[in-house]
Amino acid sequence: TKATTIFAAMELAKRFLKENRSGKKLNSPEKIYEYCLDMKHFDQEVVRVISLNSKLYEISSKDISIGLADSSLAHPREIYKEAIKNGAVYIILVHNHPSGDVMPSKDDKIITQKVKEAGQIIGIRLLDHLIIGNGFYSFKHNKLI
C-alpha cells in the first residue's frame, strides 16, 4: 500500500511539473535551467530539445537521446526533426551531466557548433545550449554560440 501511495505521488509530481512547464517563455539561461530542473537527477545523460516560437515561448519539449552515465549520442537531424515538425523558430538544446560537473567536454563543443551550423542552413536558430548538473552552464552566456 505504501509503495502504491509513493508511486502515485511521484506520478502526480511528474504531471504537475509538465503542466507547470507548458508554454513558458524561455528567454534566459536561468529560466531554461528552472524549466529543465528534473534533468539534474537523471542517472544517465539525456539530450532534450525545446522548440520555441518567435516570441520565445515553448512549443514542445522532447528528450531525444538517452545515453550512458557519461555520454549520449545526438545528431543534428534528430535535434531538428522535432523543431521542423513543430514549426519552431528557435531551439534550445539541453543535456545533463550525471557527474554534476557542468563544464562542457570537447564533444559538447563540437556538437553545439554542428547544431548551430545546421540551424543556420535550415532557418531554425540555436538559441542556447545548457548543461545541467550542480548548477548549469550556458553556451550563449559563455559566448560559445
N, C-alpha and C. Protein backbone atom coordinates (compact mmCIF):
# COMPACT_ATOMS: atom_id res chain seq x y z
N THR A 1 0.83 -1.18 0.00
CA THR A 1 0.00 0.00 0.00
C THR A 1 0.88 1.25 0.00
N LYS A 2 1.94 1.24 0.80
CA LYS A 2 2.83 2.40 0.85
C LYS A 2 3.52 2.62 -0.49
N ALA A 3 3.93 1.51 -1.12
CA ALA A 3 4.60 1.63 -2.41
C ALA A 3 3.66 2.23 -3.45
N THR A 4 2.41 1.83 -3.43
CA THR A 4 1.42 2.38 -4.36
C THR A 4 1.22 3.87 -4.12
N THR A 5 1.17 4.25 -2.85
CA THR A 5 1.00 5.66 -2.50
C THR A 5 2.19 6.49 -2.97
N ILE A 6 3.38 5.97 -2.77
CA ILE A 6 4.60 6.67 -3.20
C ILE A 6 4.62 6.79 -4.72
N PHE A 7 4.29 5.70 -5.41
CA PHE A 7 4.26 5.72 -6.87
C PHE A 7 3.25 6.75 -7.38
N ALA A 8 2.08 6.78 -6.77
CA ALA A 8 1.04 7.75 -7.16
C ALA A 8 1.50 9.19 -6.93
N ALA A 9 2.16 9.42 -5.81
CA ALA A 9 2.68 10.76 -5.52
C ALA A 9 3.72 11.18 -6.54
N MET A 10 4.59 10.26 -6.92
CA MET A 10 5.62 10.57 -7.92
C MET A 10 4.98 10.87 -9.27
N GLU A 11 3.96 10.12 -9.63
CA GLU A 11 3.26 10.35 -10.90
C GLU A 11 2.57 11.71 -10.90
N LEU A 12 1.95 12.07 -9.79
CA LEU A 12 1.32 13.39 -9.68
C LEU A 12 2.35 14.51 -9.79
N ALA A 13 3.50 14.31 -9.17
CA ALA A 13 4.57 15.31 -9.25
C ALA A 13 5.04 15.49 -10.68
N LYS A 14 5.20 14.39 -11.43
CA LYS A 14 5.61 14.46 -12.83
C LYS A 14 4.58 15.25 -13.65
N ARG A 15 3.32 14.94 -13.44
CA ARG A 15 2.26 15.64 -14.18
C ARG A 15 2.23 17.13 -13.84
N PHE A 16 2.43 17.44 -12.56
CA PHE A 16 2.45 18.83 -12.13
C PHE A 16 3.59 19.59 -12.80
N LEU A 17 4.78 18.96 -12.83
CA LEU A 17 5.93 19.59 -13.48
C LEU A 17 5.67 19.85 -14.95
N LYS A 18 5.07 18.86 -15.65
CA LYS A 18 4.77 19.04 -17.07
C LYS A 18 3.79 20.18 -17.29
N GLU A 19 2.74 20.23 -16.49
CA GLU A 19 1.75 21.30 -16.61
C GLU A 19 2.38 22.65 -16.31
N ASN A 20 3.25 22.67 -15.32
CA ASN A 20 3.90 23.91 -14.90
C ASN A 20 4.86 24.42 -15.98
N ARG A 21 5.41 23.51 -16.79
CA ARG A 21 6.39 23.88 -17.79
C ARG A 21 5.76 24.33 -19.10
N SER A 22 4.59 23.81 -19.41
CA SER A 22 3.99 24.03 -20.71
C SER A 22 3.78 25.51 -21.04
N GLY A 23 4.23 25.91 -22.22
CA GLY A 23 4.00 27.27 -22.70
C GLY A 23 4.80 28.36 -22.02
N LYS A 24 5.87 28.02 -21.35
CA LYS A 24 6.68 29.01 -20.64
C LYS A 24 7.53 29.83 -21.61
N LYS A 25 7.76 31.08 -21.25
CA LYS A 25 8.68 31.92 -22.01
C LYS A 25 10.08 31.62 -21.50
N LEU A 26 10.95 31.19 -22.40
CA LEU A 26 12.30 30.78 -22.03
C LEU A 26 13.32 31.74 -22.65
N ASN A 27 13.48 32.88 -22.04
CA ASN A 27 14.34 33.92 -22.59
C ASN A 27 15.60 34.19 -21.77
N SER A 28 15.95 33.28 -20.87
CA SER A 28 17.20 33.43 -20.12
C SER A 28 17.69 32.04 -19.69
N PRO A 29 19.00 31.90 -19.49
CA PRO A 29 19.54 30.62 -19.03
C PRO A 29 18.93 30.17 -17.70
N GLU A 30 18.62 31.12 -16.83
CA GLU A 30 18.04 30.78 -15.53
C GLU A 30 16.65 30.16 -15.69
N LYS A 31 15.86 30.71 -16.60
CA LYS A 31 14.52 30.16 -16.85
C LYS A 31 14.60 28.78 -17.49
N ILE A 32 15.57 28.60 -18.38
CA ILE A 32 15.76 27.29 -19.02
C ILE A 32 16.17 26.27 -17.97
N TYR A 33 17.09 26.64 -17.10
CA TYR A 33 17.54 25.76 -16.02
C TYR A 33 16.37 25.35 -15.13
N GLU A 34 15.56 26.31 -14.75
CA GLU A 34 14.39 26.02 -13.91
C GLU A 34 13.42 25.08 -14.65
N TYR A 35 13.24 25.32 -15.93
CA TYR A 35 12.36 24.52 -16.77
C TYR A 35 12.84 23.06 -16.83
N CYS A 36 14.16 22.86 -16.83
CA CYS A 36 14.75 21.53 -17.00
C CYS A 36 15.34 20.97 -15.71
N LEU A 37 14.90 21.46 -14.59
CA LEU A 37 15.45 21.05 -13.31
C LEU A 37 15.34 19.55 -13.06
N ASP A 38 14.35 18.90 -13.66
CA ASP A 38 14.20 17.45 -13.49
C ASP A 38 15.42 16.70 -14.00
N MET A 39 16.16 17.26 -14.94
CA MET A 39 17.32 16.58 -15.53
C MET A 39 18.49 16.48 -14.56
N LYS A 40 18.47 17.30 -13.53
CA LYS A 40 19.56 17.32 -12.56
C LYS A 40 19.72 15.96 -11.86
N HIS A 41 18.63 15.21 -11.77
CA HIS A 41 18.64 13.97 -11.01
C HIS A 41 18.68 12.71 -11.88
N PHE A 42 18.86 12.87 -13.18
CA PHE A 42 18.92 11.71 -14.06
C PHE A 42 20.23 10.97 -13.86
N ASP A 43 20.18 9.64 -13.91
CA ASP A 43 21.37 8.80 -13.75
C ASP A 43 22.15 8.65 -15.05
N GLN A 44 21.47 8.92 -16.17
CA GLN A 44 22.09 8.80 -17.47
C GLN A 44 22.05 10.17 -18.16
N GLU A 45 22.96 10.35 -19.10
CA GLU A 45 22.96 11.59 -19.86
C GLU A 45 21.78 11.59 -20.83
N VAL A 46 21.01 12.66 -20.81
CA VAL A 46 19.83 12.80 -21.65
C VAL A 46 19.95 14.10 -22.43
N VAL A 47 19.58 14.05 -23.71
CA VAL A 47 19.58 15.24 -24.56
C VAL A 47 18.13 15.63 -24.79
N ARG A 48 17.81 16.88 -24.50
CA ARG A 48 16.45 17.41 -24.65
C ARG A 48 16.48 18.58 -25.63
N VAL A 49 15.49 18.62 -26.51
CA VAL A 49 15.33 19.73 -27.44
C VAL A 49 14.04 20.45 -27.10
N ILE A 50 14.15 21.75 -26.91
CA ILE A 50 12.99 22.59 -26.64
C ILE A 50 12.77 23.46 -27.87
N SER A 51 11.58 23.35 -28.46
CA SER A 51 11.22 24.16 -29.62
C SER A 51 10.49 25.41 -29.14
N LEU A 52 10.84 26.55 -29.74
CA LEU A 52 10.26 27.83 -29.34
C LEU A 52 9.65 28.55 -30.54
N ASN A 53 8.65 29.38 -30.25
CA ASN A 53 8.09 30.22 -31.30
C ASN A 53 8.89 31.52 -31.39
N SER A 54 8.44 32.45 -32.21
CA SER A 54 9.19 33.69 -32.43
C SER A 54 9.23 34.60 -31.20
N LYS A 55 8.32 34.39 -30.24
CA LYS A 55 8.29 35.18 -29.00
C LYS A 55 9.01 34.47 -27.85
N LEU A 56 9.71 33.37 -28.17
CA LEU A 56 10.49 32.57 -27.21
C LEU A 56 9.62 31.79 -26.23
N TYR A 57 8.39 31.46 -26.63
CA TYR A 57 7.54 30.60 -25.82
C TYR A 57 7.70 29.16 -26.27
N GLU A 58 7.72 28.26 -25.31
CA GLU A 58 7.89 26.85 -25.57
C GLU A 58 6.72 26.31 -26.37
N ILE A 59 7.03 25.64 -27.48
CA ILE A 59 6.04 24.94 -28.29
C ILE A 59 6.01 23.47 -27.87
N SER A 60 7.21 22.90 -27.73
CA SER A 60 7.32 21.49 -27.33
C SER A 60 8.68 21.24 -26.71
N SER A 61 8.75 20.14 -26.02
CA SER A 61 9.99 19.70 -25.39
C SER A 61 10.06 18.19 -25.52
N LYS A 62 11.18 17.68 -25.99
CA LYS A 62 11.30 16.23 -26.17
C LYS A 62 12.71 15.76 -25.84
N ASP A 63 12.78 14.68 -25.07
CA ASP A 63 14.06 14.03 -24.81
C ASP A 63 14.33 13.14 -26.01
N ILE A 64 15.41 13.44 -26.73
CA ILE A 64 15.65 12.73 -27.99
C ILE A 64 16.73 11.67 -27.89
N SER A 65 17.49 11.68 -26.81
CA SER A 65 18.57 10.71 -26.68
C SER A 65 18.84 10.42 -25.20
N ILE A 66 18.96 9.14 -24.89
CA ILE A 66 19.33 8.73 -23.54
C ILE A 66 20.59 7.91 -23.69
N GLY A 67 21.62 8.31 -22.97
CA GLY A 67 22.91 7.66 -23.13
C GLY A 67 23.34 6.90 -21.90
N LEU A 68 24.62 6.86 -21.71
CA LEU A 68 25.23 6.18 -20.58
C LEU A 68 25.43 7.19 -19.45
N ALA A 69 26.17 6.80 -18.45
CA ALA A 69 26.42 7.69 -17.32
C ALA A 69 27.24 8.90 -17.74
N ASP A 70 28.04 8.76 -18.80
CA ASP A 70 28.92 9.87 -19.16
C ASP A 70 28.90 10.26 -20.63
N SER A 71 27.94 9.73 -21.40
CA SER A 71 27.88 10.12 -22.80
C SER A 71 26.50 9.87 -23.37
N SER A 72 26.19 10.61 -24.41
CA SER A 72 24.93 10.45 -25.12
C SER A 72 25.16 10.84 -26.56
N LEU A 73 24.49 10.16 -27.46
CA LEU A 73 24.65 10.46 -28.86
C LEU A 73 23.46 11.28 -29.35
N ALA A 74 23.74 12.36 -30.02
CA ALA A 74 22.70 13.18 -30.62
C ALA A 74 23.25 13.72 -31.93
N HIS A 75 22.44 13.68 -32.94
CA HIS A 75 22.83 14.16 -34.25
C HIS A 75 21.92 15.32 -34.64
N PRO A 76 22.44 16.31 -35.36
CA PRO A 76 21.59 17.44 -35.74
C PRO A 76 20.27 17.04 -36.41
N ARG A 77 20.25 15.96 -37.17
CA ARG A 77 19.00 15.58 -37.84
C ARG A 77 17.92 15.21 -36.83
N GLU A 78 18.28 14.51 -35.73
CA GLU A 78 17.30 14.17 -34.69
C GLU A 78 16.90 15.42 -33.90
N ILE A 79 17.84 16.28 -33.71
CA ILE A 79 17.59 17.51 -32.95
C ILE A 79 16.60 18.40 -33.70
N TYR A 80 16.80 18.57 -34.99
CA TYR A 80 15.94 19.46 -35.76
C TYR A 80 14.66 18.81 -36.26
N LYS A 81 14.58 17.49 -36.23
CA LYS A 81 13.36 16.79 -36.68
C LYS A 81 12.13 17.29 -35.91
N GLU A 82 12.23 17.35 -34.59
CA GLU A 82 11.11 17.81 -33.77
C GLU A 82 10.81 19.28 -34.01
N ALA A 83 11.86 20.07 -34.14
CA ALA A 83 11.68 21.51 -34.34
C ALA A 83 10.96 21.79 -35.65
N ILE A 84 11.32 21.09 -36.70
CA ILE A 84 10.68 21.28 -38.00
C ILE A 84 9.22 20.84 -37.92
N LYS A 85 9.00 19.69 -37.30
CA LYS A 85 7.63 19.17 -37.16
C LYS A 85 6.73 20.14 -36.40
N ASN A 86 7.28 20.87 -35.45
CA ASN A 86 6.50 21.78 -34.61
C ASN A 86 6.51 23.22 -35.10
N GLY A 87 7.14 23.49 -36.23
CA GLY A 87 7.16 24.85 -36.77
C GLY A 87 7.95 25.83 -35.91
N ALA A 88 9.02 25.36 -35.29
CA ALA A 88 9.82 26.19 -34.40
C ALA A 88 10.59 27.26 -35.15
N VAL A 89 10.82 28.37 -34.48
CA VAL A 89 11.68 29.44 -34.99
C VAL A 89 13.05 29.32 -34.34
N TYR A 90 13.07 28.90 -33.08
CA TYR A 90 14.30 28.71 -32.31
C TYR A 90 14.26 27.34 -31.63
N ILE A 91 15.44 26.85 -31.27
CA ILE A 91 15.52 25.69 -30.39
C ILE A 91 16.52 25.99 -29.28
N ILE A 92 16.34 25.28 -28.19
CA ILE A 92 17.30 25.27 -27.09
C ILE A 92 17.68 23.82 -26.90
N LEU A 93 18.96 23.56 -26.85
CA LEU A 93 19.48 22.22 -26.62
C LEU A 93 19.89 22.15 -25.15
N VAL A 94 19.47 21.08 -24.47
CA VAL A 94 19.81 20.91 -23.06
C VAL A 94 20.24 19.46 -22.86
N HIS A 95 21.31 19.28 -22.12
CA HIS A 95 21.64 17.93 -21.68
C HIS A 95 22.23 17.99 -20.28
N ASN A 96 22.21 16.86 -19.62
CA ASN A 96 22.70 16.81 -18.25
C ASN A 96 24.03 16.08 -18.17
N HIS A 97 24.76 16.36 -17.13
CA HIS A 97 25.96 15.61 -16.77
C HIS A 97 25.69 14.96 -15.42
N PRO A 98 25.44 13.65 -15.40
CA PRO A 98 25.15 12.98 -14.12
C PRO A 98 26.24 13.15 -13.07
N SER A 99 27.47 13.42 -13.49
CA SER A 99 28.57 13.63 -12.54
C SER A 99 28.39 14.92 -11.74
N GLY A 100 27.58 15.82 -12.27
CA GLY A 100 27.38 17.12 -11.62
C GLY A 100 28.28 18.22 -12.17
N ASP A 101 29.38 17.85 -12.84
CA ASP A 101 30.31 18.82 -13.41
C ASP A 101 29.68 19.41 -14.68
N VAL A 102 29.47 20.70 -14.70
CA VAL A 102 28.79 21.33 -15.83
C VAL A 102 29.72 21.85 -16.92
N MET A 103 31.01 21.70 -16.76
CA MET A 103 31.92 22.17 -17.79
C MET A 103 31.77 21.33 -19.06
N PRO A 104 31.69 21.99 -20.22
CA PRO A 104 31.49 21.25 -21.47
C PRO A 104 32.73 20.48 -21.89
N SER A 105 32.49 19.30 -22.43
CA SER A 105 33.57 18.50 -22.97
C SER A 105 33.88 18.97 -24.39
N LYS A 106 34.93 18.43 -24.97
CA LYS A 106 35.27 18.75 -26.35
C LYS A 106 34.12 18.33 -27.27
N ASP A 107 33.53 17.13 -27.00
CA ASP A 107 32.40 16.65 -27.80
C ASP A 107 31.19 17.56 -27.67
N ASP A 108 30.95 18.10 -26.47
CA ASP A 108 29.84 19.03 -26.26
C ASP A 108 30.02 20.27 -27.14
N LYS A 109 31.23 20.76 -27.21
CA LYS A 109 31.51 21.95 -28.02
C LYS A 109 31.35 21.66 -29.52
N ILE A 110 31.78 20.47 -29.93
CA ILE A 110 31.69 20.09 -31.35
C ILE A 110 30.23 19.95 -31.77
N ILE A 111 29.43 19.24 -30.99
CA ILE A 111 28.02 19.05 -31.36
C ILE A 111 27.27 20.38 -31.35
N THR A 112 27.61 21.26 -30.43
CA THR A 112 26.96 22.57 -30.38
C THR A 112 27.24 23.34 -31.67
N GLN A 113 28.47 23.31 -32.13
CA GLN A 113 28.83 24.00 -33.36
C GLN A 113 28.10 23.40 -34.56
N LYS A 114 28.03 22.06 -34.62
CA LYS A 114 27.33 21.39 -35.73
C LYS A 114 25.85 21.74 -35.74
N VAL A 115 25.23 21.74 -34.56
CA VAL A 115 23.80 22.07 -34.45
C VAL A 115 23.57 23.52 -34.86
N LYS A 116 24.45 24.40 -34.44
CA LYS A 116 24.34 25.82 -34.81
C LYS A 116 24.41 25.99 -36.32
N GLU A 117 25.38 25.33 -36.95
CA GLU A 117 25.55 25.42 -38.40
C GLU A 117 24.35 24.85 -39.15
N ALA A 118 23.85 23.71 -38.69
CA ALA A 118 22.67 23.10 -39.32
C ALA A 118 21.47 24.02 -39.20
N GLY A 119 21.32 24.65 -38.06
CA GLY A 119 20.21 25.57 -37.85
C GLY A 119 20.28 26.78 -38.76
N GLN A 120 21.48 27.26 -39.03
CA GLN A 120 21.65 28.39 -39.94
C GLN A 120 21.21 28.01 -41.35
N ILE A 121 21.48 26.79 -41.73
CA ILE A 121 21.11 26.32 -43.07
C ILE A 121 19.60 26.18 -43.21
N ILE A 122 18.94 25.60 -42.20
CA ILE A 122 17.50 25.35 -42.33
C ILE A 122 16.63 26.48 -41.79
N GLY A 123 17.24 27.46 -41.15
CA GLY A 123 16.49 28.63 -40.71
C GLY A 123 15.82 28.49 -39.35
N ILE A 124 16.35 27.61 -38.51
CA ILE A 124 15.88 27.48 -37.12
C ILE A 124 17.10 27.70 -36.23
N ARG A 125 17.13 28.84 -35.57
CA ARG A 125 18.32 29.25 -34.83
C ARG A 125 18.46 28.52 -33.50
N LEU A 126 19.69 28.09 -33.20
CA LEU A 126 20.02 27.55 -31.89
C LEU A 126 20.19 28.72 -30.95
N LEU A 127 19.26 28.86 -30.02
CA LEU A 127 19.27 30.00 -29.10
C LEU A 127 20.29 29.81 -27.98
N ASP A 128 20.38 28.59 -27.44
CA ASP A 128 21.33 28.31 -26.36
C ASP A 128 21.49 26.80 -26.23
N HIS A 129 22.53 26.39 -25.57
CA HIS A 129 22.77 25.00 -25.20
C HIS A 129 23.17 25.04 -23.73
N LEU A 130 22.37 24.36 -22.92
CA LEU A 130 22.65 24.32 -21.48
C LEU A 130 23.09 22.93 -21.07
N ILE A 131 24.03 22.90 -20.14
CA ILE A 131 24.42 21.66 -19.48
C ILE A 131 23.93 21.77 -18.05
N ILE A 132 23.19 20.77 -17.61
CA ILE A 132 22.60 20.74 -16.27
C ILE A 132 23.40 19.78 -15.41
N GLY A 133 23.73 20.20 -14.21
CA GLY A 133 24.42 19.36 -13.23
C GLY A 133 24.28 20.03 -11.89
N ASN A 134 25.38 20.23 -11.22
CA ASN A 134 25.38 21.04 -10.00
C ASN A 134 25.40 22.50 -10.45
N GLY A 135 24.24 23.00 -10.78
CA GLY A 135 24.10 24.30 -11.42
C GLY A 135 23.93 24.09 -12.91
N PHE A 136 24.35 25.07 -13.70
CA PHE A 136 24.22 24.94 -15.15
C PHE A 136 25.33 25.71 -15.84
N TYR A 137 25.53 25.36 -17.10
CA TYR A 137 26.49 26.04 -17.97
C TYR A 137 25.73 26.45 -19.23
N SER A 138 25.78 27.71 -19.60
CA SER A 138 25.13 28.22 -20.80
C SER A 138 26.19 28.54 -21.85
N PHE A 139 26.06 27.91 -23.00
CA PHE A 139 26.99 28.19 -24.10
C PHE A 139 26.82 29.63 -24.58
N LYS A 140 25.60 30.14 -24.60
CA LYS A 140 25.35 31.52 -25.04
C LYS A 140 25.98 32.51 -24.06
N HIS A 141 25.73 32.29 -22.78
CA HIS A 141 26.27 33.19 -21.75
C HIS A 141 27.80 33.22 -21.78
N ASN A 142 28.39 32.07 -22.12
CA ASN A 142 29.85 31.97 -22.19
C ASN A 142 30.40 32.26 -23.59
N LYS A 143 29.54 32.83 -24.44
CA LYS A 143 29.93 33.29 -25.78
C LYS A 143 30.47 32.18 -26.68
N LEU A 144 29.92 30.96 -26.53
CA LEU A 144 30.28 29.86 -27.41
C LEU A 144 29.23 29.62 -28.48
N ILE A 145 28.18 30.44 -28.46
CA ILE A 145 27.16 30.42 -29.53
C ILE A 145 27.05 31.84 -30.05
